[in-house]
């Protein structure tokens, strides 16, 4: 074996090593970019969910207040439980909460008991190895629904002339003729995100 040939074989692994390390670094930066995008998208979804729930909770509380004002008028209860009374739009609360989550929202009332919110993050994905992400923002949407939890029967025989009907909310009966306490908004209405 010639001494010169032995020396030239030892340096052949170095270019392969550099190529492998460069490829691994590229993959690491690519995974980092995907992680940044996923985190930004998660921030947008959190902002959309929170804003939609905030708007729905605002309306739920207003409906519960309307019910308390109309407690002696059971003929008005069904319209309240259906959301067919003027209580104002809760989207102002969605905008307020979205601002706290560093996002902007487009909020709309979709039916008397449902809010749809589209949130966009104020923060961008940022500088990555993927071109065009520097100014890209995440946008996500959510829908919150208000569902009445109570039933009542205006035609029940045990309702006297001036007696109020029994209110049943998720299996719990409320005697409103001699109440020890009145139902709270969360007893009257359920608020959740739509699937």
C-alpha atoms as a PDB file:
ATOM      1  CA  UNK A   1       0.000   0.000   0.000  1.00  0.00           C
ATOM      2  CA  UNK A   2       1.326   3.426  -0.910  1.00  0.00           C
ATOM      3  CA  UNK A   3       1.618   5.948   1.927  1.00  0.00           C
ATOM      4  CA  UNK A   4      -0.033   8.767  -0.101  1.00  0.00           C
ATOM      5  CA  UNK A   5      -3.120   6.768  -0.835  1.00  0.00           C
ATOM      6  CA  UNK A   6      -3.757   6.100   2.865  1.00  0.00           C
ATOM      7  CA  UNK A   7      -3.710   9.830   3.651  1.00  0.00           C
ATOM      8  CA  UNK A   8      -6.228  10.738   0.909  1.00  0.00           C
ATOM      9  CA  UNK A   9      -8.811   8.175   2.139  1.00  0.00           C
ATOM     10  CA  UNK A  10      -8.995   9.699   5.610  1.00  0.00           C
ATOM     11  CA  UNK A  11     -10.436  13.047   4.430  1.00  0.00           C
ATOM     12  CA  UNK A  12     -13.332  11.536   2.414  1.00  0.00           C
ATOM     13  CA  UNK A  13     -15.709  11.299   5.407  1.00  0.00           C
ATOM     14  CA  UNK A  14     -15.524  15.025   6.221  1.00  0.00           C
ATOM     15  CA  UNK A  15     -17.705  16.239   3.275  1.00  0.00           C
ATOM     16  CA  UNK A  16     -20.306  13.562   4.099  1.00  0.00           C
ATOM     17  CA  UNK A  17     -20.271  14.644   7.746  1.00  0.00           C
ATOM     18  CA  UNK A  18     -20.794  18.306   6.747  1.00  0.00           C
ATOM     19  CA  UNK A  19     -23.689  17.345   4.433  1.00  0.00           C
ATOM     20  CA  UNK A  20     -25.403  15.253   7.136  1.00  0.00           C
ATOM     21  CA  UNK A  21     -25.006  17.962   9.794  1.00  0.00           C
ATOM     22  CA  UNK A  22     -26.274  20.620   7.363  1.00  0.00           C
ATOM     23  CA  UNK A  23     -29.316  18.477   6.530  1.00  0.00           C
ATOM     24  CA  UNK A  24     -30.069  17.922  10.223  1.00  0.00           C
ATOM     25  CA  UNK A  25     -29.815  21.646  10.913  1.00  0.00           C
ATOM     26  CA  UNK A  26     -32.185  22.373   8.030  1.00  0.00           C
ATOM     27  CA  UNK A  27     -34.697  19.841   9.417  1.00  0.00           C
ATOM     28  CA  UNK A  28     -34.368  21.348  12.896  1.00  0.00           C
ATOM     29  CA  UNK A  29     -35.119  24.834  11.543  1.00  0.00           C
ATOM     30  CA  UNK A  30     -38.038  23.465   9.498  1.00  0.00           C
ATOM     31  CA  UNK A  31     -39.523  21.781  12.586  1.00  0.00           C
ATOM     32  CA  UNK A  32     -39.035  25.004  14.511  1.00  0.00           C
ATOM     33  CA  UNK A  33     -40.955  26.916  11.804  1.00  0.00           C
ATOM     34  CA  UNK A  34     -43.784  24.383  11.935  1.00  0.00           C
ATOM     35  CA  UNK A  35     -43.824  24.698  15.727  1.00  0.00           C
ATOM     36  CA  UNK A  36     -44.015  28.491  15.531  1.00  0.00           C
ATOM     37  CA  UNK A  37     -46.913  28.276  13.074  1.00  0.00           C
ATOM     38  CA  UNK A  38     -48.746  25.756  15.266  1.00  0.00           C
ATOM     39  CA  UNK A  39     -48.273  27.939  18.358  1.00  0.00           C
ATOM     40  CA  UNK A  40     -49.601  31.000  16.508  1.00  0.00           C
ATOM     41  CA  UNK A  41     -52.596  29.006  15.233  1.00  0.00           C
ATOM     42  CA  UNK A  42     -53.240  27.761  18.786  1.00  0.00           C
ATOM     43  CA  UNK A  43     -53.194  31.371  20.035  1.00  0.00           C
ATOM     44  CA  UNK A  44     -55.785  32.307  17.402  1.00  0.00           C
ATOM     45  CA  UNK A  45     -58.038  29.372  18.348  1.00  0.00           C
ATOM     46  CA  UNK A  46     -57.796  30.250  22.036  1.00  0.00           C
ATOM     47  CA  UNK A  47     -58.719  33.863  21.280  1.00  0.00           C
ATOM     48  CA  UNK A  48     -61.671  32.791  19.094  1.00  0.00           C
ATOM     49  CA  UNK A  49     -62.997  30.338  21.701  1.00  0.00           C
ATOM     50  CA  UNK A  50     -62.675  32.808  24.566  1.00  0.00           C
ATOM     51  CA  UNK A  51     -64.260  35.655  22.587  1.00  0.00           C
ATOM     52  CA  UNK A  52     -67.219  33.563  21.424  1.00  0.00           C
ATOM     53  CA  UNK A  53     -67.866  32.312  24.952  1.00  0.00           C
ATOM     54  CA  UNK A  54     -67.583  35.847  26.353  1.00  0.00           C
ATOM     55  CA  UNK A  55     -70.203  37.167  23.918  1.00  0.00           C
ATOM     56  CA  UNK A  56     -72.544  34.255  24.677  1.00  0.00           C
ATOM     57  CA  UNK A  57     -72.113  34.626  28.440  1.00  0.00           C
ATOM     58  CA  UNK A  58     -72.932  38.331  28.183  1.00  0.00           C
ATOM     59  CA  UNK A  59     -76.177  37.493  26.380  1.00  0.00           C
ATOM     60  CA  UNK A  60     -76.955  34.648  28.803  1.00  0.00           C
ATOM     61  CA  UNK A  61     -76.680  37.022  31.760  1.00  0.00           C
ATOM     62  CA  UNK A  62     -78.896  39.579  30.014  1.00  0.00           C
ATOM     63  CA  UNK A  63     -81.516  36.898  29.286  1.00  0.00           C
ATOM     64  CA  UNK A  64     -81.410  35.769  32.932  1.00  0.00           C
ATOM     65  CA  UNK A  65     -81.940  39.390  34.010  1.00  0.00           C
ATOM     66  CA  UNK A  66     -84.932  39.633  31.644  1.00  0.00           C
ATOM     67  CA  UNK A  67     -86.354  36.450  33.158  1.00  0.00           C
ATOM     68  CA  UNK A  68     -85.990  37.847  36.695  1.00  0.00           C
ATOM     69  CA  UNK A  69     -87.786  41.026  35.615  1.00  0.00           C
ATOM     70  CA  UNK A  70     -90.576  38.904  34.118  1.00  0.00           C
ATOM     71  CA  UNK A  71     -90.797  36.282  36.851  1.00  0.00           C
ATOM     72  CA  UNK A  72     -94.382  37.260  37.680  1.00  0.00           C
ATOM     73  CA  UNK A  73     -95.327  37.085  33.963  1.00  0.00           C
ATOM     74  CA  UNK A  74     -94.931  33.410  32.978  1.00  0.00           C
ATOM     75  CA  UNK A  75     -96.476  34.093  29.565  1.00  0.00           C
ATOM     76  CA  UNK A  76     -93.251  35.954  28.693  1.00  0.00           C
ATOM     77  CA  UNK A  77     -90.899  33.155  29.784  1.00  0.00           C
ATOM     78  CA  UNK A  78     -90.860  31.181  26.544  1.00  0.00           C
ATOM     79  CA  UNK A  79     -89.788  34.187  24.486  1.00  0.00           C
ATOM     80  CA  UNK A  80     -86.946  34.762  26.947  1.00  0.00           C
ATOM     81  CA  UNK A  81     -85.805  31.126  26.841  1.00  0.00           C
ATOM     82  CA  UNK A  82     -85.961  31.245  23.025  1.00  0.00           C
ATOM     83  CA  UNK A  83     -83.862  34.432  22.974  1.00  0.00           C
ATOM     84  CA  UNK A  84     -86.656  36.423  21.344  1.00  0.00           C
ATOM     85  CA  UNK A  85     -86.348  39.477  23.578  1.00  0.00           C
ATOM     86  CA  UNK A  86     -84.200  42.584  23.103  1.00  0.00           C
ATOM     87  CA  UNK A  87     -81.088  42.105  25.239  1.00  0.00           C
ATOM     88  CA  UNK A  88     -78.426  43.728  23.095  1.00  0.00           C
ATOM     89  CA  UNK A  89     -75.505  42.217  21.264  1.00  0.00           C
ATOM     90  CA  UNK A  90     -72.693  40.649  23.309  1.00  0.00           C
ATOM     91  CA  UNK A  91     -70.055  41.149  20.622  1.00  0.00           C
ATOM     92  CA  UNK A  92     -68.595  44.101  22.515  1.00  0.00           C
ATOM     93  CA  UNK A  93     -67.462  41.597  25.138  1.00  0.00           C
ATOM     94  CA  UNK A  94     -65.851  39.426  22.429  1.00  0.00           C
ATOM     95  CA  UNK A  95     -63.821  42.406  21.164  1.00  0.00           C
ATOM     96  CA  UNK A  96     -62.776  43.270  24.704  1.00  0.00           C
ATOM     97  CA  UNK A  97     -61.576  39.748  25.484  1.00  0.00           C
ATOM     98  CA  UNK A  98     -59.844  39.319  22.127  1.00  0.00           C
ATOM     99  CA  UNK A  99     -57.818  42.471  22.753  1.00  0.00           C
ATOM    100  CA  UNK A 100     -56.578  40.903  25.995  1.00  0.00           C
ATOM    101  CA  UNK A 101     -55.456  37.868  23.972  1.00  0.00           C
ATOM    102  CA  UNK A 102     -53.565  39.996  21.406  1.00  0.00           C
ATOM    103  CA  UNK A 103     -56.052  39.296  18.639  1.00  0.00           C
ATOM    104  CA  UNK A 104     -58.707  41.057  16.620  1.00  0.00           C
ATOM    105  CA  UNK A 105     -62.106  39.508  16.011  1.00  0.00           C
ATOM    106  CA  UNK A 106     -65.037  39.617  13.661  1.00  0.00           C
ATOM    107  CA  UNK A 107     -68.086  38.747  15.777  1.00  0.00           C
ATOM    108  CA  UNK A 108     -71.628  38.138  14.604  1.00  0.00           C
ATOM    109  CA  UNK A 109     -74.859  36.968  16.141  1.00  0.00           C
ATOM    110  CA  UNK A 110     -76.018  33.927  14.137  1.00  0.00           C
ATOM    111  CA  UNK A 111     -79.502  33.345  15.430  1.00  0.00           C
ATOM    112  CA  UNK A 112     -80.887  34.598  18.721  1.00  0.00           C
ATOM    113  CA  UNK A 113     -78.783  32.220  20.828  1.00  0.00           C
ATOM    114  CA  UNK A 114     -75.506  31.751  18.964  1.00  0.00           C
ATOM    115  CA  UNK A 115     -72.353  33.776  18.268  1.00  0.00           C
ATOM    116  CA  UNK A 116     -69.730  33.162  15.586  1.00  0.00           C
ATOM    117  CA  UNK A 117     -66.286  34.680  16.044  1.00  0.00           C
ATOM    118  CA  UNK A 118     -63.323  34.756  13.657  1.00  0.00           C
ATOM    119  CA  UNK A 119     -60.095  35.734  15.420  1.00  0.00           C
ATOM    120  CA  UNK A 120     -56.805  36.834  13.872  1.00  0.00           C
ATOM    121  CA  UNK A 121     -53.618  37.088  15.907  1.00  0.00           C
ATOM    122  CA  UNK A 122     -51.787  40.385  16.075  1.00  0.00           C
ATOM    123  CA  UNK A 123     -48.501  38.505  16.370  1.00  0.00           C
ATOM    124  CA  UNK A 124     -47.054  37.018  13.187  1.00  0.00           C
ATOM    125  CA  UNK A 125     -45.409  33.633  12.790  1.00  0.00           C
ATOM    126  CA  UNK A 126     -42.081  35.487  12.612  1.00  0.00           C
ATOM    127  CA  UNK A 127     -38.809  34.958  10.797  1.00  0.00           C
ATOM    128  CA  UNK A 128     -38.231  31.358   9.777  1.00  0.00           C
ATOM    129  CA  UNK A 129     -36.482  29.521   6.960  1.00  0.00           C
ATOM    130  CA  UNK A 130     -39.863  29.279   5.220  1.00  0.00           C
ATOM    131  CA  UNK A 131     -40.249  32.328   2.958  1.00  0.00           C
ATOM    132  CA  UNK A 132     -43.327  34.526   3.438  1.00  0.00           C
ATOM    133  CA  UNK A 133     -44.010  33.745   7.101  1.00  0.00           C
ATOM    134  CA  UNK A 134     -42.643  37.027   8.431  1.00  0.00           C
ATOM    135  CA  UNK A 135     -46.004  38.790   8.080  1.00  0.00           C
ATOM    136  CA  UNK A 136     -48.338  35.790   8.223  1.00  0.00           C
ATOM    137  CA  UNK A 137     -50.966  35.808  10.966  1.00  0.00           C
ATOM    138  CA  UNK A 138     -53.145  32.937  12.134  1.00  0.00           C
ATOM    139  CA  UNK A 139     -56.918  33.033  11.751  1.00  0.00           C
ATOM    140  CA  UNK A 140     -59.316  30.661  13.518  1.00  0.00           C
ATOM    141  CA  UNK A 141     -63.053  30.612  14.227  1.00  0.00           C
ATOM    142  CA  UNK A 142     -65.399  29.458  16.983  1.00  0.00           C
ATOM    143  CA  UNK A 143     -69.134  29.323  17.586  1.00  0.00           C
ATOM    144  CA  UNK A 144     -70.692  29.572  21.049  1.00  0.00           C
ATOM    145  CA  UNK A 145     -74.269  28.472  21.683  1.00  0.00           C
ATOM    146  CA  UNK A 146     -76.682  29.397  24.479  1.00  0.00           C
ATOM    147  CA  UNK A 147     -79.151  26.614  25.291  1.00  0.00           C
ATOM    148  CA  UNK A 148     -82.098  26.966  27.671  1.00  0.00           C
ATOM    149  CA  UNK A 149     -81.988  24.388  30.445  1.00  0.00           C
ATOM    150  CA  UNK A 150     -85.521  24.816  31.788  1.00  0.00           C
ATOM    151  CA  UNK A 151     -89.019  23.565  31.075  1.00  0.00           C
ATOM    152  CA  UNK A 152     -92.345  24.727  32.466  1.00  0.00           C
ATOM    153  CA  UNK A 153     -96.016  24.048  31.843  1.00  0.00           C
ATOM    154  CA  UNK A 154     -98.397  26.995  31.836  1.00  0.00           C
ATOM    155  CA  UNK A 155    -101.442  24.730  31.565  1.00  0.00           C
ATOM    156  CA  UNK A 156    -100.664  22.516  34.579  1.00  0.00           C
ATOM    157  CA  UNK A 157    -103.676  21.945  36.851  1.00  0.00           C
ATOM    158  CA  UNK A 158    -101.714  22.626  40.012  1.00  0.00           C
ATOM    159  CA  UNK A 159    -101.102  26.183  38.834  1.00  0.00           C
ATOM    160  CA  UNK A 160    -103.617  28.257  40.726  1.00  0.00           C
ATOM    161  CA  UNK A 161    -104.993  31.479  39.394  1.00  0.00           C
ATOM    162  CA  UNK A 162    -102.087  33.544  40.708  1.00  0.00           C
ATOM    163  CA  UNK A 163     -99.599  30.704  41.176  1.00  0.00           C
ATOM    164  CA  UNK A 164     -96.452  30.540  39.096  1.00  0.00           C
ATOM    165  CA  UNK A 165     -95.708  27.351  37.164  1.00  0.00           C
ATOM    166  CA  UNK A 166     -93.059  24.976  38.411  1.00  0.00           C
ATOM    167  CA  UNK A 167     -89.753  25.503  36.635  1.00  0.00           C
ATOM    168  CA  UNK A 168     -87.640  22.410  35.983  1.00  0.00           C
ATOM    169  CA  UNK A 169     -84.022  23.025  35.002  1.00  0.00           C
ATOM    170  CA  UNK A 170     -81.967  19.914  34.147  1.00  0.00           C
ATOM    171  CA  UNK A 171     -83.968  17.794  36.568  1.00  0.00           C
ATOM    172  CA  UNK A 172     -83.978  20.358  39.391  1.00  0.00           C
ATOM    173  CA  UNK A 173     -87.386  21.728  40.355  1.00  0.00           C
ATOM    174  CA  UNK A 174     -87.774  25.353  41.383  1.00  0.00           C
ATOM    175  CA  UNK A 175     -90.867  26.386  43.369  1.00  0.00           C
ATOM    176  CA  UNK A 176     -91.184  30.032  42.447  1.00  0.00           C
ATOM    177  CA  UNK A 177     -94.256  30.685  44.583  1.00  0.00           C
ATOM    178  CA  UNK A 178     -92.265  30.602  47.844  1.00  0.00           C
ATOM    179  CA  UNK A 179     -88.653  30.545  46.717  1.00  0.00           C
ATOM    180  CA  UNK A 180     -85.804  30.252  49.179  1.00  0.00           C
ATOM    181  CA  UNK A 181     -83.556  31.241  46.300  1.00  0.00           C
ATOM    182  CA  UNK A 182     -83.987  31.922  42.611  1.00  0.00           C
ATOM    183  CA  UNK A 183     -82.184  30.174  39.756  1.00  0.00           C
ATOM    184  CA  UNK A 184     -78.910  31.734  38.682  1.00  0.00           C
ATOM    185  CA  UNK A 185     -78.047  32.403  35.017  1.00  0.00           C
ATOM    186  CA  UNK A 186     -76.082  29.125  34.833  1.00  0.00           C
ATOM    187  CA  UNK A 187     -79.184  27.284  36.124  1.00  0.00           C
ATOM    188  CA  UNK A 188     -81.368  28.791  33.414  1.00  0.00           C
ATOM    189  CA  UNK A 189     -79.010  28.589  30.413  1.00  0.00           C
ATOM    190  CA  UNK A 190     -76.067  26.470  29.315  1.00  0.00           C
ATOM    191  CA  UNK A 191     -73.286  28.092  27.269  1.00  0.00           C
ATOM    192  CA  UNK A 192     -70.848  25.959  25.281  1.00  0.00           C
ATOM    193  CA  UNK A 193     -68.800  25.890  22.123  1.00  0.00           C
ATOM    194  CA  UNK A 194     -70.440  24.212  19.159  1.00  0.00           C
ATOM    195  CA  UNK A 195     -68.650  21.178  17.731  1.00  0.00           C
END
